[in-house]
Amino acid sequence: MAFRSTVYVVEDDYEYRKKIILSLKNYHSNFVQFNVSSIDNHLFFMEELQSLSIADTDIFIFDIDLKTTFTGIDLALEVRKHNRNCSIIFLTSLEDQAIPIINSNILPIGYLIKNTVSSIKLSQPLYELLDKIEDNLNNSWREDPNIVMIKTGAKKIYVNGKDILYIESMKGLRGKILIKTFHEDIIINGQIGKIKKLVEHQPYLFTSLQSYIINLTSITVLDRAKGMIIFSSGDELLVGIKIIDKLKKVL
């Protein structure tokens, strides 16, 4: 699996939202793993957005008319303040609503025209948009020098190096590696020495520690008294005083 994508479905019609989620779950991809967010209350989504960490691979499906104090367009504009590259799909009952969206510089990946048809008829246009998103992601990672490919058995995982907080050889679990990113924890089988060779071209990933790879640009605090690294995400990692001293020398 190459990429992991969180899909946010913001729709005030609960039954229609269920149809969209069913279609998403039935979509098969060899390149992207789509995970539907558990956030399901459109009334509080504007507030939820303020604390979301949005990845370039994430997808937002917004109903334009949410019948509340803000619209799907308002939500999309807020998303674009945080991330210019994630994908936005609009649900609309009126095809001519595309014009103000384009004028707002939201740049959605596309639109789904809402109607009362079955999930099967909804799936086809949705899958066409997901195919388009896959193509865009496929092209982007090939061109992005920060993308790291990690092979574990027959499986390949692609991670943006800048999203990595740290990689560690898991204590007490031989042959297990934890890749801690801003968005998720990825556990794979492997040896950290081999991973160091894969990421050595990324100058911000510090590979001179025996059991760790640390993203130097994500460090906010080195607490020598506690032997702890605090990252910009708020995550903490206990490494001991010796490693803290080594990191201080390179920062």
C-alpha atoms as a PDB file:
ATOM      1  CA  MET A   1       0.000   0.000   0.000  1.00  0.00           C
ATOM      2  CA  ALA A   2       1.527   3.293  -1.029  1.00  0.00           C
ATOM      3  CA  PHE A   3      -0.489   6.022   0.633  1.00  0.00           C
ATOM      4  CA  ARG A   4      -2.977   6.316   3.462  1.00  0.00           C
ATOM      5  CA  SER A   5      -5.779   8.805   2.994  1.00  0.00           C
ATOM      6  CA  THR A   6      -8.312   9.994   5.556  1.00  0.00           C
ATOM      7  CA  VAL A   7     -11.675  10.798   3.966  1.00  0.00           C
ATOM      8  CA  TYR A   8     -13.977  13.300   5.673  1.00  0.00           C
ATOM      9  CA  VAL A   9     -17.613  13.087   4.585  1.00  0.00           C
ATOM     10  CA  VAL A  10     -19.491  16.218   5.674  1.00  0.00           C
ATOM     11  CA  GLU A  11     -23.137  15.781   4.721  1.00  0.00           C
ATOM     12  CA  ASP A  12     -26.249  16.784   6.674  1.00  0.00           C
ATOM     13  CA  ASP A  13     -28.352  13.971   5.177  1.00  0.00           C
ATOM     14  CA  TYR A  14     -27.423  10.928   7.276  1.00  0.00           C
ATOM     15  CA  GLU A  15     -28.774   8.370   4.799  1.00  0.00           C
ATOM     16  CA  TYR A  16     -26.953   9.962   1.872  1.00  0.00           C
ATOM     17  CA  ARG A  17     -23.766  10.041   3.942  1.00  0.00           C
ATOM     18  CA  LYS A  18     -24.169   6.303   4.554  1.00  0.00           C
ATOM     19  CA  LYS A  19     -24.406   5.725   0.780  1.00  0.00           C
ATOM     20  CA  ILE A  20     -21.186   7.647   0.191  1.00  0.00           C
ATOM     21  CA  ILE A  21     -19.343   5.746   2.928  1.00  0.00           C
ATOM     22  CA  LEU A  22     -20.580   2.416   1.536  1.00  0.00           C
ATOM     23  CA  SER A  23     -19.271   3.375  -1.902  1.00  0.00           C
ATOM     24  CA  LEU A  24     -15.912   4.363  -0.400  1.00  0.00           C
ATOM     25  CA  LYS A  25     -15.607   1.042   1.414  1.00  0.00           C
ATOM     26  CA  ASN A  26     -16.328  -0.857  -1.800  1.00  0.00           C
ATOM     27  CA  TYR A  27     -13.706   1.039  -3.793  1.00  0.00           C
ATOM     28  CA  HIS A  28     -10.629  -1.095  -4.453  1.00  0.00           C
ATOM     29  CA  SER A  29      -7.205   0.467  -4.753  1.00  0.00           C
ATOM     30  CA  ASN A  30      -3.717  -1.004  -4.924  1.00  0.00           C
ATOM     31  CA  PHE A  31      -2.191   2.399  -4.334  1.00  0.00           C
ATOM     32  CA  VAL A  32      -4.182   4.232  -1.647  1.00  0.00           C
ATOM     33  CA  GLN A  33      -5.781   3.004   1.564  1.00  0.00           C
ATOM     34  CA  PHE A  34      -8.875   5.114   2.210  1.00  0.00           C
ATOM     35  CA  ASN A  35      -9.978   5.440   5.838  1.00  0.00           C
ATOM     36  CA  VAL A  36     -13.251   7.232   6.569  1.00  0.00           C
ATOM     37  CA  SER A  37     -12.976   9.662   9.482  1.00  0.00           C
ATOM     38  CA  SER A  38     -15.169   9.033  12.502  1.00  0.00           C
ATOM     39  CA  ILE A  39     -16.063  12.747  12.593  1.00  0.00           C
ATOM     40  CA  ASP A  40     -19.705  12.661  11.537  1.00  0.00           C
ATOM     41  CA  ASN A  41     -21.417  15.771  12.928  1.00  0.00           C
ATOM     42  CA  HIS A  42     -21.464  18.499  10.285  1.00  0.00           C
ATOM     43  CA  LEU A  43     -22.615  21.097  12.823  1.00  0.00           C
ATOM     44  CA  PHE A  44     -19.264  21.012  14.633  1.00  0.00           C
ATOM     45  CA  PHE A  45     -16.956  20.415  11.679  1.00  0.00           C
ATOM     46  CA  MET A  46     -15.816  24.044  11.375  1.00  0.00           C
ATOM     47  CA  GLU A  47     -14.632  23.815  14.977  1.00  0.00           C
ATOM     48  CA  GLU A  48     -13.044  20.388  14.405  1.00  0.00           C
ATOM     49  CA  LEU A  49     -11.093  21.770  11.435  1.00  0.00           C
ATOM     50  CA  GLN A  50      -9.074  24.087  13.651  1.00  0.00           C
ATOM     51  CA  SER A  51      -7.276  21.178  15.314  1.00  0.00           C
ATOM     52  CA  LEU A  52      -7.038  18.791  12.345  1.00  0.00           C
ATOM     53  CA  SER A  53      -3.653  17.837  10.961  1.00  0.00           C
ATOM     54  CA  ILE A  54      -4.387  17.687   7.227  1.00  0.00           C
ATOM     55  CA  ALA A  55      -2.184  15.589   4.950  1.00  0.00           C
ATOM     56  CA  ASP A  56      -1.808  16.165   1.212  1.00  0.00           C
ATOM     57  CA  THR A  57      -3.382  12.744   0.693  1.00  0.00           C
ATOM     58  CA  ASP A  58      -6.556  13.554   2.643  1.00  0.00           C
ATOM     59  CA  ILE A  59      -9.942  13.943   0.948  1.00  0.00           C
ATOM     60  CA  PHE A  60     -12.841  16.165   1.981  1.00  0.00           C
ATOM     61  CA  ILE A  61     -16.324  15.518   0.598  1.00  0.00           C
ATOM     62  CA  PHE A  62     -18.478  18.565   1.369  1.00  0.00           C
ATOM     63  CA  ASP A  63     -22.175  19.027   0.793  1.00  0.00           C
ATOM     64  CA  ILE A  64     -22.454  22.655  -0.318  1.00  0.00           C
ATOM     65  CA  ASP A  65     -25.797  23.304   1.384  1.00  0.00           C
ATOM     66  CA  LEU A  66     -25.417  22.130   4.987  1.00  0.00           C
ATOM     67  CA  LYS A  67     -28.451  24.048   6.255  1.00  0.00           C
ATOM     68  CA  THR A  68     -26.488  25.648   9.062  1.00  0.00           C
ATOM     69  CA  THR A  69     -24.565  28.897   9.668  1.00  0.00           C
ATOM     70  CA  PHE A  70     -21.806  27.874   7.238  1.00  0.00           C
ATOM     71  CA  THR A  71     -21.744  26.133   3.873  1.00  0.00           C
ATOM     72  CA  GLY A  72     -19.548  23.471   2.366  1.00  0.00           C
ATOM     73  CA  ILE A  73     -17.796  26.278   0.481  1.00  0.00           C
ATOM     74  CA  ASP A  74     -16.955  27.977   3.794  1.00  0.00           C
ATOM     75  CA  LEU A  75     -15.487  24.708   5.076  1.00  0.00           C
ATOM     76  CA  ALA A  76     -13.460  24.235   1.898  1.00  0.00           C
ATOM     77  CA  LEU A  77     -12.025  27.751   2.173  1.00  0.00           C
ATOM     78  CA  GLU A  78     -10.997  26.969   5.755  1.00  0.00           C
ATOM     79  CA  VAL A  79      -9.358  23.705   4.638  1.00  0.00           C
ATOM     80  CA  ARG A  80      -7.363  25.596   2.010  1.00  0.00           C
ATOM     81  CA  LYS A  81      -5.950  27.869   4.733  1.00  0.00           C
ATOM     82  CA  HIS A  82      -4.344  24.773   6.246  1.00  0.00           C
ATOM     83  CA  ASN A  83      -3.512  22.726   3.154  1.00  0.00           C
ATOM     84  CA  ARG A  84      -3.395  23.667  -0.532  1.00  0.00           C
ATOM     85  CA  ASN A  85      -2.825  20.148  -1.859  1.00  0.00           C
ATOM     86  CA  CYS A  86      -5.476  17.895  -0.313  1.00  0.00           C
ATOM     87  CA  SER A  87      -8.452  16.859  -2.446  1.00  0.00           C
ATOM     88  CA  ILE A  88     -11.902  18.422  -2.145  1.00  0.00           C
ATOM     89  CA  ILE A  89     -15.081  17.004  -3.664  1.00  0.00           C
ATOM     90  CA  PHE A  90     -18.346  18.921  -3.541  1.00  0.00           C
ATOM     91  CA  LEU A  91     -21.836  17.478  -3.308  1.00  0.00           C
ATOM     92  CA  THR A  92     -24.430  19.706  -4.898  1.00  0.00           C
ATOM     93  CA  SER A  93     -27.985  19.561  -6.183  1.00  0.00           C
ATOM     94  CA  LEU A  94     -27.294  22.376  -8.660  1.00  0.00           C
ATOM     95  CA  GLU A  95     -24.668  22.057 -11.379  1.00  0.00           C
ATOM     96  CA  ASP A  96     -24.243  25.832 -11.751  1.00  0.00           C
ATOM     97  CA  GLN A  97     -22.857  26.116  -8.205  1.00  0.00           C
ATOM     98  CA  ALA A  98     -19.433  25.284  -9.632  1.00  0.00           C
ATOM     99  CA  ILE A  99     -18.870  28.891 -10.767  1.00  0.00           C
ATOM    100  CA  PRO A 100     -18.602  30.559  -7.312  1.00  0.00           C
ATOM    101  CA  ILE A 101     -16.419  27.665  -6.140  1.00  0.00           C
ATOM    102  CA  ILE A 102     -13.946  28.216  -8.969  1.00  0.00           C
ATOM    103  CA  ASN A 103     -13.998  31.951  -8.269  1.00  0.00           C
ATOM    104  CA  SER A 104     -13.177  31.224  -4.626  1.00  0.00           C
ATOM    105  CA  ASN A 105      -9.913  29.563  -5.723  1.00  0.00           C
ATOM    106  CA  ILE A 106     -10.775  26.366  -3.869  1.00  0.00           C
ATOM    107  CA  LEU A 107      -9.727  24.161  -6.795  1.00  0.00           C
ATOM    108  CA  PRO A 108     -11.846  21.086  -6.034  1.00  0.00           C
ATOM    109  CA  ILE A 109     -11.009  17.800  -7.709  1.00  0.00           C
ATOM    110  CA  GLY A 110     -14.627  17.577  -8.879  1.00  0.00           C
ATOM    111  CA  TYR A 111     -18.335  17.551  -8.101  1.00  0.00           C
ATOM    112  CA  LEU A 112     -20.999  14.962  -7.412  1.00  0.00           C
ATOM    113  CA  ILE A 113     -24.557  15.889  -8.348  1.00  0.00           C
ATOM    114  CA  LYS A 114     -26.855  14.793  -5.543  1.00  0.00           C
ATOM    115  CA  ASN A 115     -30.015  12.888  -6.306  1.00  0.00           C
ATOM    116  CA  THR A 116     -32.076  10.074  -4.865  1.00  0.00           C
ATOM    117  CA  VAL A 117     -30.555   7.284  -6.933  1.00  0.00           C
ATOM    118  CA  SER A 118     -29.109   4.084  -5.521  1.00  0.00           C
ATOM    119  CA  SER A 119     -25.621   3.634  -4.098  1.00  0.00           C
ATOM    120  CA  ILE A 120     -24.625   1.839  -7.298  1.00  0.00           C
ATOM    121  CA  LYS A 121     -25.338   4.900  -9.467  1.00  0.00           C
ATOM    122  CA  LEU A 122     -23.628   7.152  -6.928  1.00  0.00           C
ATOM    123  CA  SER A 123     -20.511   4.967  -6.937  1.00  0.00           C
ATOM    124  CA  GLN A 124     -19.586   5.378 -10.606  1.00  0.00           C
ATOM    125  CA  PRO A 125     -18.963   9.165 -10.610  1.00  0.00           C
ATOM    126  CA  LEU A 126     -17.362   8.939  -7.149  1.00  0.00           C
ATOM    127  CA  TYR A 127     -14.979   6.213  -8.324  1.00  0.00           C
ATOM    128  CA  GLU A 128     -14.015   8.317 -11.343  1.00  0.00           C
ATOM    129  CA  LEU A 129     -12.990  11.116  -8.971  1.00  0.00           C
ATOM    130  CA  LEU A 130     -11.080   8.694  -6.720  1.00  0.00           C
ATOM    131  CA  ASP A 131      -9.257   7.370  -9.790  1.00  0.00           C
ATOM    132  CA  LYS A 132      -8.304  10.950 -10.620  1.00  0.00           C
ATOM    133  CA  ILE A 133      -7.019  11.495  -7.077  1.00  0.00           C
ATOM    134  CA  GLU A 134      -4.960   8.302  -7.316  1.00  0.00           C
ATOM    135  CA  ASP A 135      -3.388   9.472 -10.580  1.00  0.00           C
ATOM    136  CA  ASN A 136      -2.492  12.827  -9.014  1.00  0.00           C
ATOM    137  CA  LEU A 137      -0.925  11.159  -5.977  1.00  0.00           C
ATOM    138  CA  ASN A 138       0.944   8.700  -8.154  1.00  0.00           C
ATOM    139  CA  ASN A 139       2.459  11.527 -10.176  1.00  0.00           C
ATOM    140  CA  SER A 140       3.236  13.677  -7.135  1.00  0.00           C
ATOM    141  CA  TRP A 141       5.184  11.077  -5.175  1.00  0.00           C
ATOM    142  CA  ARG A 142       7.312  10.191  -8.183  1.00  0.00           C
ATOM    143  CA  GLU A 143       8.352  13.852  -8.464  1.00  0.00           C
ATOM    144  CA  ASP A 144       8.738  14.571  -4.738  1.00  0.00           C
ATOM    145  CA  PRO A 145      12.325  14.089  -3.468  1.00  0.00           C
ATOM    146  CA  ASN A 146      11.014  13.805   0.110  1.00  0.00           C
ATOM    147  CA  ILE A 147       9.126  10.579  -0.584  1.00  0.00           C
ATOM    148  CA  VAL A 148      10.760   7.548   1.006  1.00  0.00           C
ATOM    149  CA  MET A 149       9.917   4.037  -0.152  1.00  0.00           C
ATOM    150  CA  ILE A 150      10.221   1.403   2.576  1.00  0.00           C
ATOM    151  CA  LYS A 151       9.915  -2.226   1.554  1.00  0.00           C
ATOM    152  CA  THR A 152       8.734  -4.756   4.108  1.00  0.00           C
ATOM    153  CA  GLY A 153       8.417  -8.226   2.643  1.00  0.00           C
ATOM    154  CA  ALA A 154       6.326  -7.987  -0.517  1.00  0.00           C
ATOM    155  CA  LYS A 155       4.742  -4.747   0.684  1.00  0.00           C
ATOM    156  CA  LYS A 156       5.912  -1.241  -0.191  1.00  0.00           C
ATOM    157  CA  ILE A 157       5.104   1.769   1.962  1.00  0.00           C
ATOM    158  CA  TYR A 158       5.636   5.324   0.750  1.00  0.00           C
ATOM    159  CA  VAL A 159       6.117   7.991   3.400  1.00  0.00           C
ATOM    160  CA  ASN A 160       6.867  11.676   3.048  1.00  0.00           C
ATOM    161  CA  GLY A 161      10.113  12.160   4.972  1.00  0.00           C
ATOM    162  CA  LYS A 162       8.956  15.540   6.258  1.00  0.00           C
ATOM    163  CA  ASP A 163       5.936  13.873   7.888  1.00  0.00           C
ATOM    164  CA  ILE A 164       8.160  11.546   9.926  1.00  0.00           C
ATOM    165  CA  LEU A 165       8.735  12.489  13.567  1.00  0.00           C
ATOM    166  CA  TYR A 166      10.984   9.552  14.344  1.00  0.00           C
ATOM    167  CA  ILE A 167      11.664   5.926  13.503  1.00  0.00           C
ATOM    168  CA  GLU A 168      12.674   3.508  16.227  1.00  0.00           C
ATOM    169  CA  SER A 169      13.585  -0.107  16.675  1.00  0.00           C
ATOM    170  CA  MET A 170      10.891  -1.273  19.082  1.00  0.00           C
ATOM    171  CA  LYS A 171      12.227  -2.443  22.428  1.00  0.00           C
ATOM    172  CA  GLY A 172      11.376  -6.044  23.290  1.00  0.00           C
ATOM    173  CA  LEU A 173       9.980  -6.727  19.812  1.00  0.00           C
ATOM    174  CA  ARG A 174      12.760  -8.098  17.666  1.00  0.00           C
ATOM    175  CA  GLY A 175      12.564  -7.107  14.027  1.00  0.00           C
ATOM    176  CA  LYS A 176       9.759  -4.585  14.592  1.00  0.00           C
ATOM    177  CA  ILE A 177      10.126  -0.954  13.516  1.00  0.00           C
ATOM    178  CA  LEU A 178       7.848   1.938  14.489  1.00  0.00           C
ATOM    179  CA  ILE A 179       7.534   4.810  12.020  1.00  0.00           C
ATOM    180  CA  LYS A 180       5.938   7.687  13.912  1.00  0.00           C
ATOM    181  CA  THR A 181       4.503  10.394  11.667  1.00  0.00           C
ATOM    182  CA  PHE A 182       2.394  13.485  12.238  1.00  0.00           C
ATOM    183  CA  HIS A 183      -0.675  11.512  11.182  1.00  0.00           C
ATOM    184  CA  GLU A 184      -0.216   7.882  12.206  1.00  0.00           C
ATOM    185  CA  ASP A 185       1.894   5.084  13.661  1.00  0.00           C
ATOM    186  CA  ILE A 186       3.177   2.530  11.153  1.00  0.00           C
ATOM    187  CA  ILE A 187       4.650  -0.729  12.456  1.00  0.00           C
ATOM    188  CA  ILE A 188       6.637  -2.838  10.016  1.00  0.00           C
ATOM    189  CA  ASN A 189       8.995  -5.796  10.027  1.00  0.00           C
ATOM    190  CA  GLY A 190      12.583  -4.872   9.291  1.00  0.00           C
ATOM    191  CA  GLN A 191      15.938  -3.624  10.491  1.00  0.00           C
ATOM    192  CA  ILE A 192      16.579   0.008  11.272  1.00  0.00           C
ATOM    193  CA  GLY A 193      20.025  -0.187   9.666  1.00  0.00           C
ATOM    194  CA  LYS A 194      18.446  -0.858   6.271  1.00  0.00           C
ATOM    195  CA  ILE A 195      15.970   1.974   6.728  1.00  0.00           C
ATOM    196  CA  LYS A 196      18.834   4.367   7.513  1.00  0.00           C
ATOM    197  CA  LYS A 197      20.287   3.662   4.080  1.00  0.00           C
ATOM    198  CA  LEU A 198      16.938   4.447   2.454  1.00  0.00           C
ATOM    199  CA  VAL A 199      16.633   7.858   4.132  1.00  0.00           C
ATOM    200  CA  GLU A 200      20.263   8.968   4.186  1.00  0.00           C
ATOM    201  CA  HIS A 201      19.625  11.423   1.323  1.00  0.00           C
ATOM    202  CA  GLN A 202      17.222  13.368   3.571  1.00  0.00           C
ATOM    203  CA  PRO A 203      19.495  15.803   5.484  1.00  0.00           C
ATOM    204  CA  TYR A 204      16.844  16.565   8.114  1.00  0.00           C
ATOM    205  CA  LEU A 205      16.601  12.900   9.185  1.00  0.00           C
ATOM    206  CA  PHE A 206      19.363  12.217  11.718  1.00  0.00           C
ATOM    207  CA  THR A 207      20.585   8.639  11.290  1.00  0.00           C
ATOM    208  CA  SER A 208      23.651   8.550  13.563  1.00  0.00           C
ATOM    209  CA  LEU A 209      21.847   6.927  16.500  1.00  0.00           C
ATOM    210  CA  GLN A 210      21.826   3.177  17.003  1.00  0.00           C
ATOM    211  CA  SER A 211      18.105   2.591  17.491  1.00  0.00           C
ATOM    212  CA  TYR A 212      16.509   5.802  16.234  1.00  0.00           C
ATOM    213  CA  ILE A 213      16.098   8.048  13.225  1.00  0.00           C
ATOM    214  CA  ILE A 214      15.022  11.540  14.283  1.00  0.00           C
ATOM    215  CA  ASN A 215      13.521  14.326  12.184  1.00  0.00           C
ATOM    216  CA  LEU A 216      15.559  17.313  13.370  1.00  0.00           C
ATOM    217  CA  THR A 217      13.111  19.833  11.916  1.00  0.00           C
ATOM    218  CA  SER A 218      10.252  18.441  14.032  1.00  0.00           C
ATOM    219  CA  ILE A 219      11.995  18.880  17.390  1.00  0.00           C
ATOM    220  CA  THR A 220      10.697  21.707  19.570  1.00  0.00           C
ATOM    221  CA  VAL A 221      12.260  20.831  22.951  1.00  0.00           C
ATOM    222  CA  LEU A 222      15.227  18.743  24.093  1.00  0.00           C
ATOM    223  CA  ASP A 223      14.657  18.154  27.805  1.00  0.00           C
ATOM    224  CA  ARG A 224      18.004  16.945  29.158  1.00  0.00           C
ATOM    225  CA  ALA A 225      16.740  16.537  32.725  1.00  0.00           C
ATOM    226  CA  LYS A 226      14.096  14.065  31.585  1.00  0.00           C
ATOM    227  CA  GLY A 227      16.059  12.657  28.640  1.00  0.00           C
ATOM    228  CA  MET A 228      13.073  13.507  26.468  1.00  0.00           C
ATOM    229  CA  ILE A 229      12.437  14.864  22.971  1.00  0.00           C
ATOM    230  CA  ILE A 230       9.255  16.864  22.457  1.00  0.00           C
ATOM    231  CA  PHE A 231       8.129  17.216  18.852  1.00  0.00           C
ATOM    232  CA  SER A 232       6.092  19.949  17.177  1.00  0.00           C
ATOM    233  CA  SER A 233       3.106  17.578  17.124  1.00  0.00           C
ATOM    234  CA  GLY A 234       3.183  17.384  20.933  1.00  0.00           C
ATOM    235  CA  ASP A 235       4.460  13.795  20.880  1.00  0.00           C
ATOM    236  CA  GLU A 236       7.189  12.882  23.361  1.00  0.00           C
ATOM    237  CA  LEU A 237      10.019  10.357  23.107  1.00  0.00           C
ATOM    238  CA  LEU A 238      12.208   9.194  25.997  1.00  0.00           C
ATOM    239  CA  VAL A 239      15.730   8.570  24.713  1.00  0.00           C
ATOM    240  CA  GLY A 240      18.097   9.325  27.601  1.00  0.00           C
ATOM    241  CA  ILE A 241      20.656  12.038  28.317  1.00  0.00           C
ATOM    242  CA  LYS A 242      23.384  10.746  25.950  1.00  0.00           C
ATOM    243  CA  ILE A 243      21.120  10.973  22.903  1.00  0.00           C
ATOM    244  CA  ILE A 244      19.864  14.404  23.962  1.00  0.00           C
ATOM    245  CA  ASP A 245      23.487  15.606  24.095  1.00  0.00           C
ATOM    246  CA  LYS A 246      24.203  14.174  20.625  1.00  0.00           C
ATOM    247  CA  LEU A 247      21.157  15.922  19.194  1.00  0.00           C
ATOM    248  CA  LYS A 248      22.117  19.242  20.781  1.00  0.00           C
ATOM    249  CA  LYS A 249      25.456  19.096  18.968  1.00  0.00           C
ATOM    250  CA  VAL A 250      23.818  18.866  15.535  1.00  0.00           C
ATOM    251  CA  LEU A 251      21.016  21.371  16.095  1.00  0.00           C
END
